Amino acid sequence: MTTEIGKAAPSFTLPATNGEIVSLQDFKGKNIVLYFYPKDNTPGCTTEACSFRDNHDKFTDLNAVIIGVSPDPVESHEKFMNKFDLPFLLLADIDHAVAEDYECWKLKKNFGKEYYGIERSTFIIDKEGNLQKEFRKVKVDGHTEEALEFIRENLK
């Protein structure tokens, strides 16, 4: 599976923080901000999640749902969600299969070590389930505003 603007977004079914198994199809009729992040409770990921939290109502006003995905288990997501009062679902992609489908499971380097992990990425999916925008190698500062602006201008 690969991502292509204007085509159907890769489907997924993952455990979520609401205790359910969630699929992309569950959100048909809504715009989706699907963001992949490396790890719960790390500085950049916390800043990103809190920015989405602080702008949650603006996304809701645009008929958009926010969904966070990382390889952390649901239990870790629940603690992260409760600690920072996150009003959106976090999905557990433990085997990183969905991250691979969205091409954001990458070889990374840190302090001379190489390892695979999430490359911070966000995907905007329209009401019909088609991919409309990819943000790759996301820089946290200003990113939420970029996503909001894209939806405002392109997905009424």
C-alpha atoms as a PDB file:
ATOM      1  CA  MET A   1       0.000   0.000   0.000  1.00  0.00           C
ATOM      2  CA  THR A   2       1.234   3.497  -0.744  1.00  0.00           C
ATOM      3  CA  THR A   3      -0.134   6.988  -0.321  1.00  0.00           C
ATOM      4  CA  GLU A   4      -1.173   9.067  -3.299  1.00  0.00           C
ATOM      5  CA  ILE A   5      -2.915  12.441  -3.212  1.00  0.00           C
ATOM      6  CA  GLY A   6      -6.478  12.190  -4.556  1.00  0.00           C
ATOM      7  CA  LYS A   7      -6.634   8.409  -4.087  1.00  0.00           C
ATOM      8  CA  ALA A   8      -8.155   6.358  -1.268  1.00  0.00           C
ATOM      9  CA  ALA A   9      -6.127   6.636   1.930  1.00  0.00           C
ATOM     10  CA  PRO A  10      -4.708   3.327   3.145  1.00  0.00           C
ATOM     11  CA  SER A  11      -7.306   1.629   5.311  1.00  0.00           C
ATOM     12  CA  PHE A  12      -6.535   0.629   8.881  1.00  0.00           C
ATOM     13  CA  THR A  13      -8.067  -1.083  11.877  1.00  0.00           C
ATOM     14  CA  LEU A  14      -6.352  -0.461  15.223  1.00  0.00           C
ATOM     15  CA  PRO A  15      -7.113  -0.524  18.953  1.00  0.00           C
ATOM     16  CA  ALA A  16      -7.993   2.922  20.307  1.00  0.00           C
ATOM     17  CA  THR A  17      -8.082   4.737  23.622  1.00  0.00           C
ATOM     18  CA  ASN A  18     -11.898   4.544  23.672  1.00  0.00           C
ATOM     19  CA  GLY A  19     -11.567   0.772  24.238  1.00  0.00           C
ATOM     20  CA  GLU A  20     -12.745  -0.035  20.734  1.00  0.00           C
ATOM     21  CA  ILE A  21     -11.173  -1.234  17.527  1.00  0.00           C
ATOM     22  CA  VAL A  22     -11.283   1.727  15.138  1.00  0.00           C
ATOM     23  CA  SER A  23     -11.177   1.728  11.343  1.00  0.00           C
ATOM     24  CA  LEU A  24     -10.707   4.514   8.821  1.00  0.00           C
ATOM     25  CA  GLN A  25     -14.208   3.759   7.506  1.00  0.00           C
ATOM     26  CA  ASP A  26     -15.677   4.690  10.914  1.00  0.00           C
ATOM     27  CA  PHE A  27     -15.020   8.351  10.090  1.00  0.00           C
ATOM     28  CA  LYS A  28     -16.644   8.516   6.653  1.00  0.00           C
ATOM     29  CA  GLY A  29     -18.420  11.855   6.302  1.00  0.00           C
ATOM     30  CA  LYS A  30     -15.785  13.685   8.338  1.00  0.00           C
ATOM     31  CA  ASN A  31     -12.460  15.182   7.391  1.00  0.00           C
ATOM     32  CA  ILE A  32      -9.623  13.412   9.180  1.00  0.00           C
ATOM     33  CA  VAL A  33      -6.333  14.698  10.516  1.00  0.00           C
ATOM     34  CA  LEU A  34      -4.336  11.488  10.916  1.00  0.00           C
ATOM     35  CA  TYR A  35      -1.038  12.247  12.586  1.00  0.00           C
ATOM     36  CA  PHE A  36       1.781   9.822  13.277  1.00  0.00           C
ATOM     37  CA  TYR A  37       4.143  10.573  16.132  1.00  0.00           C
ATOM     38  CA  PRO A  38       7.130   8.662  17.565  1.00  0.00           C
ATOM     39  CA  LYS A  39       6.350   8.192  21.272  1.00  0.00           C
ATOM     40  CA  ASP A  40       4.008   9.158  24.081  1.00  0.00           C
ATOM     41  CA  ASN A  41       5.308  11.576  26.740  1.00  0.00           C
ATOM     42  CA  THR A  42       8.323  12.823  24.809  1.00  0.00           C
ATOM     43  CA  PRO A  43       8.853  16.585  24.451  1.00  0.00           C
ATOM     44  CA  GLY A  44       8.054  17.015  20.743  1.00  0.00           C
ATOM     45  CA  CYS A  45       5.154  14.571  20.792  1.00  0.00           C
ATOM     46  CA  THR A  46       3.664  16.212  23.866  1.00  0.00           C
ATOM     47  CA  THR A  47       3.940  19.669  22.296  1.00  0.00           C
ATOM     48  CA  GLU A  48       2.295  18.411  19.106  1.00  0.00           C
ATOM     49  CA  ALA A  49      -0.547  16.627  20.940  1.00  0.00           C
ATOM     50  CA  CYS A  50      -1.213  19.660  23.148  1.00  0.00           C
ATOM     51  CA  SER A  51      -1.312  21.932  20.109  1.00  0.00           C
ATOM     52  CA  PHE A  52      -3.915  19.684  18.489  1.00  0.00           C
ATOM     53  CA  ARG A  53      -5.770  19.642  21.842  1.00  0.00           C
ATOM     54  CA  ASP A  54      -5.721  23.439  22.105  1.00  0.00           C
ATOM     55  CA  ASN A  55      -7.149  23.758  18.584  1.00  0.00           C
ATOM     56  CA  HIS A  56      -9.559  20.835  18.810  1.00  0.00           C
ATOM     57  CA  ASP A  57     -12.678  23.033  18.639  1.00  0.00           C
ATOM     58  CA  LYS A  58     -11.417  24.734  15.468  1.00  0.00           C
ATOM     59  CA  PHE A  59     -11.016  21.340  13.793  1.00  0.00           C
ATOM     60  CA  THR A  60     -14.440  20.230  15.037  1.00  0.00           C
ATOM     61  CA  ASP A  61     -15.966  23.396  13.543  1.00  0.00           C
ATOM     62  CA  LEU A  62     -14.525  22.283  10.176  1.00  0.00           C
ATOM     63  CA  ASN A  63     -16.096  18.807  10.511  1.00  0.00           C
ATOM     64  CA  ALA A  64     -12.643  17.320  11.128  1.00  0.00           C
ATOM     65  CA  VAL A  65     -11.554  14.672  13.613  1.00  0.00           C
ATOM     66  CA  ILE A  66      -8.015  14.363  14.919  1.00  0.00           C
ATOM     67  CA  ILE A  67      -6.508  10.894  15.318  1.00  0.00           C
ATOM     68  CA  GLY A  68      -3.019  10.270  16.692  1.00  0.00           C
ATOM     69  CA  VAL A  69      -1.081   7.093  15.902  1.00  0.00           C
ATOM     70  CA  SER A  70       2.135   5.726  17.393  1.00  0.00           C
ATOM     71  CA  PRO A  71       3.624   2.287  18.094  1.00  0.00           C
ATOM     72  CA  ASP A  72       2.941   2.679  21.833  1.00  0.00           C
ATOM     73  CA  PRO A  73       0.371   0.303  23.387  1.00  0.00           C
ATOM     74  CA  VAL A  74      -3.121   1.511  24.323  1.00  0.00           C
ATOM     75  CA  GLU A  75      -2.185   1.575  28.030  1.00  0.00           C
ATOM     76  CA  SER A  76       0.588   4.096  27.337  1.00  0.00           C
ATOM     77  CA  HIS A  77      -1.782   6.125  25.141  1.00  0.00           C
ATOM     78  CA  GLU A  78      -4.397   6.220  27.907  1.00  0.00           C
ATOM     79  CA  LYS A  79      -1.894   7.598  30.418  1.00  0.00           C
ATOM     80  CA  PHE A  80      -0.669  10.165  27.873  1.00  0.00           C
ATOM     81  CA  MET A  81      -4.233  11.140  27.014  1.00  0.00           C
ATOM     82  CA  ASN A  82      -5.272  11.528  30.653  1.00  0.00           C
ATOM     83  CA  LYS A  83      -2.119  13.381  31.666  1.00  0.00           C
ATOM     84  CA  PHE A  84      -2.604  16.040  28.980  1.00  0.00           C
ATOM     85  CA  ASP A  85      -6.418  15.944  28.728  1.00  0.00           C
ATOM     86  CA  LEU A  86      -6.383  15.032  25.037  1.00  0.00           C
ATOM     87  CA  PRO A  87      -9.916  15.123  23.545  1.00  0.00           C
ATOM     88  CA  PHE A  88      -9.180  12.869  20.545  1.00  0.00           C
ATOM     89  CA  LEU A  89      -8.404   9.219  19.938  1.00  0.00           C
ATOM     90  CA  LEU A  90      -4.929   7.743  19.997  1.00  0.00           C
ATOM     91  CA  LEU A  91      -4.416   4.473  18.133  1.00  0.00           C
ATOM     92  CA  ALA A  92      -1.896   1.754  18.957  1.00  0.00           C
ATOM     93  CA  ASP A  93       0.062   0.677  15.856  1.00  0.00           C
ATOM     94  CA  ILE A  94       2.269  -1.709  17.827  1.00  0.00           C
ATOM     95  CA  ASP A  95       3.557  -3.637  14.812  1.00  0.00           C
ATOM     96  CA  HIS A  96       3.882  -0.347  12.844  1.00  0.00           C
ATOM     97  CA  ALA A  97       2.009  -1.874   9.879  1.00  0.00           C
ATOM     98  CA  VAL A  98      -0.155   1.235   9.413  1.00  0.00           C
ATOM     99  CA  ALA A  99       2.892   3.509   9.678  1.00  0.00           C
ATOM    100  CA  GLU A 100       4.472   1.397   6.944  1.00  0.00           C
ATOM    101  CA  ASP A 101       1.340   1.708   4.780  1.00  0.00           C
ATOM    102  CA  TYR A 102       1.542   5.495   5.175  1.00  0.00           C
ATOM    103  CA  GLU A 103       5.297   5.372   4.475  1.00  0.00           C
ATOM    104  CA  CYS A 104       6.322   7.034   7.722  1.00  0.00           C
ATOM    105  CA  TRP A 105       8.173   4.080   9.303  1.00  0.00           C
ATOM    106  CA  LYS A 106      11.738   5.091   8.478  1.00  0.00           C
ATOM    107  CA  LEU A 107      15.363   4.362   9.276  1.00  0.00           C
ATOM    108  CA  LYS A 108      16.469   7.081  11.688  1.00  0.00           C
ATOM    109  CA  LYS A 109      19.784   8.113  13.172  1.00  0.00           C
ATOM    110  CA  ASN A 110      20.279   9.488  16.653  1.00  0.00           C
ATOM    111  CA  PHE A 111      23.593   9.910  18.448  1.00  0.00           C
ATOM    112  CA  GLY A 112      25.284   7.641  15.914  1.00  0.00           C
ATOM    113  CA  LYS A 113      22.755   4.822  16.278  1.00  0.00           C
ATOM    114  CA  GLU A 114      20.471   3.661  13.501  1.00  0.00           C
ATOM    115  CA  TYR A 115      16.993   2.358  14.231  1.00  0.00           C
ATOM    116  CA  TYR A 116      13.526   2.274  12.700  1.00  0.00           C
ATOM    117  CA  GLY A 117      10.827   4.560  13.986  1.00  0.00           C
ATOM    118  CA  ILE A 118       8.071   6.977  13.094  1.00  0.00           C
ATOM    119  CA  GLU A 119       8.938   9.975  10.957  1.00  0.00           C
ATOM    120  CA  ARG A 120       6.531  12.624  12.274  1.00  0.00           C
ATOM    121  CA  SER A 121       3.873  12.928   9.566  1.00  0.00           C
ATOM    122  CA  THR A 122       0.292  14.158   9.160  1.00  0.00           C
ATOM    123  CA  PHE A 123      -2.271  13.173   6.555  1.00  0.00           C
ATOM    124  CA  ILE A 124      -5.441  15.068   5.725  1.00  0.00           C
ATOM    125  CA  ILE A 125      -8.178  12.731   4.497  1.00  0.00           C
ATOM    126  CA  ASP A 126     -11.454  14.032   3.099  1.00  0.00           C
ATOM    127  CA  LYS A 127     -15.015  12.964   3.913  1.00  0.00           C
ATOM    128  CA  GLU A 128     -14.932  10.256   1.239  1.00  0.00           C
ATOM    129  CA  GLY A 129     -11.717   8.702   2.573  1.00  0.00           C
ATOM    130  CA  ASN A 130      -9.377  10.150  -0.060  1.00  0.00           C
ATOM    131  CA  LEU A 131      -5.964  11.502   0.824  1.00  0.00           C
ATOM    132  CA  GLN A 132      -5.829  15.249   0.187  1.00  0.00           C
ATOM    133  CA  LYS A 133      -2.559  16.383   1.819  1.00  0.00           C
ATOM    134  CA  GLU A 134       0.626  14.902   3.273  1.00  0.00           C
ATOM    135  CA  PHE A 135       2.871  16.705   5.704  1.00  0.00           C
ATOM    136  CA  ARG A 136       6.177  14.807   5.969  1.00  0.00           C
ATOM    137  CA  LYS A 137       9.079  15.390   8.364  1.00  0.00           C
ATOM    138  CA  VAL A 138       6.779  17.636  10.380  1.00  0.00           C
ATOM    139  CA  LYS A 139       8.259  20.404  12.491  1.00  0.00           C
ATOM    140  CA  VAL A 140       5.966  20.764  15.506  1.00  0.00           C
ATOM    141  CA  ASP A 141       5.962  24.573  15.727  1.00  0.00           C
ATOM    142  CA  GLY A 142       3.212  25.973  13.522  1.00  0.00           C
ATOM    143  CA  HIS A 143       2.116  22.587  12.215  1.00  0.00           C
ATOM    144  CA  THR A 144      -1.379  22.599  13.711  1.00  0.00           C
ATOM    145  CA  GLU A 145      -2.058  25.937  12.027  1.00  0.00           C
ATOM    146  CA  GLU A 146      -0.854  24.517   8.677  1.00  0.00           C
ATOM    147  CA  ALA A 147      -3.270  21.606   8.967  1.00  0.00           C
ATOM    148  CA  LEU A 148      -6.151  23.890   9.976  1.00  0.00           C
ATOM    149  CA  GLU A 149      -5.447  26.258   7.119  1.00  0.00           C
ATOM    150  CA  PHE A 150      -5.364  23.437   4.575  1.00  0.00           C
ATOM    151  CA  ILE A 151      -8.747  22.133   5.716  1.00  0.00           C
ATOM    152  CA  ARG A 152     -10.224  25.637   5.846  1.00  0.00           C
ATOM    153  CA  GLU A 153      -9.119  26.421   2.298  1.00  0.00           C
ATOM    154  CA  ASN A 154      -9.657  23.049   0.620  1.00  0.00           C
ATOM    155  CA  LEU A 155     -12.208  20.901   2.451  1.00  0.00           C
ATOM    156  CA  LYS A 156     -15.459  22.720   3.076  1.00  0.00           C
END
